[in-house]
């Protein structure tokens, strides 16, 4: 994988992270992986996987914060 492709995928993962922070964590509490994948604006497997990874990691981080 080229450096440019790696960078692009990191930005896609950051987009997923930002999407999870767009609303209160309670809005996403009942989403399973299929529902999160449906939110992704990407259709290619590699891009969708990175977006979902960013979304899930942000959601987990939000859920771990008390209050």
Protein backbone atom coordinates (compact mmCIF):
# COMPACT_ATOMS: atom_id res chain seq x y z
CA UNK A 1 0.00 0.00 0.00
CA UNK A 2 1.35 3.39 -0.92
CA UNK A 3 1.90 6.21 1.54
CA UNK A 4 -0.82 8.22 -0.18
CA UNK A 5 -3.31 5.35 0.14
CA UNK A 6 -2.42 4.83 3.81
CA UNK A 7 -2.94 8.52 4.48
CA UNK A 8 -6.29 8.50 2.65
CA UNK A 9 -7.50 5.54 4.69
CA UNK A 10 -6.43 7.25 7.92
CA UNK A 11 -8.54 10.27 6.93
CA UNK A 12 -11.50 7.99 6.23
CA UNK A 13 -11.09 6.46 9.69
CA UNK A 14 -11.04 9.98 11.15
CA UNK A 15 -14.31 10.72 9.32
CA UNK A 16 -15.89 7.74 11.06
CA UNK A 17 -14.56 8.98 14.40
CA UNK A 18 -16.05 12.43 13.76
CA UNK A 19 -19.39 10.95 12.72
CA UNK A 20 -19.65 9.11 16.05
CA UNK A 21 -19.00 12.38 17.87
CA UNK A 22 -21.65 14.23 15.83
CA UNK A 23 -24.42 13.29 18.25
CA UNK A 24 -24.86 12.12 21.81
CA UNK A 25 -23.57 8.61 22.44
CA UNK A 26 -27.10 7.57 23.44
CA UNK A 27 -28.13 8.07 19.79
CA UNK A 28 -25.83 5.21 18.76
CA UNK A 29 -26.21 2.89 21.75
CA UNK A 30 -28.36 0.31 20.00
CA UNK A 31 -26.46 0.14 16.71
CA UNK A 32 -24.94 -3.15 15.65
CA UNK A 33 -22.14 -3.47 13.10
CA UNK A 34 -24.58 -3.73 10.17
CA UNK A 35 -26.33 -0.52 11.22
CA UNK A 36 -23.01 1.29 11.59
CA UNK A 37 -21.92 0.05 8.17
CA UNK A 38 -25.15 1.45 6.73
CA UNK A 39 -24.17 4.90 8.04
CA UNK A 40 -20.85 4.79 6.19
CA UNK A 41 -20.73 6.90 3.03
CA UNK A 42 -18.21 4.41 1.56
CA UNK A 43 -19.03 1.30 -0.43
CA UNK A 44 -15.59 -0.20 -1.08
CA UNK A 45 -14.74 -2.82 1.54
CA UNK A 46 -11.42 -1.34 2.65
CA UNK A 47 -12.81 2.18 2.96
CA UNK A 48 -15.99 1.06 4.70
CA UNK A 49 -13.97 -1.04 7.16
CA UNK A 50 -11.79 1.92 8.09
CA UNK A 51 -14.79 4.27 8.50
CA UNK A 52 -16.54 1.72 10.73
CA UNK A 53 -13.34 1.21 12.76
CA UNK A 54 -13.17 4.95 13.41
CA UNK A 55 -16.84 5.12 14.35
CA UNK A 56 -16.65 2.16 16.71
CA UNK A 57 -13.47 3.33 18.43
CA UNK A 58 -14.94 6.79 19.02
CA UNK A 59 -18.17 5.31 20.32
CA UNK A 60 -16.26 3.05 22.70
CA UNK A 61 -14.24 6.02 23.92
CA UNK A 62 -17.43 8.05 24.50
CA UNK A 63 -19.06 5.17 26.35
CA UNK A 64 -16.09 4.85 28.68
CA UNK A 65 -16.33 8.47 29.81
CA UNK A 66 -18.51 8.78 32.93
CA UNK A 67 -21.33 11.29 32.88
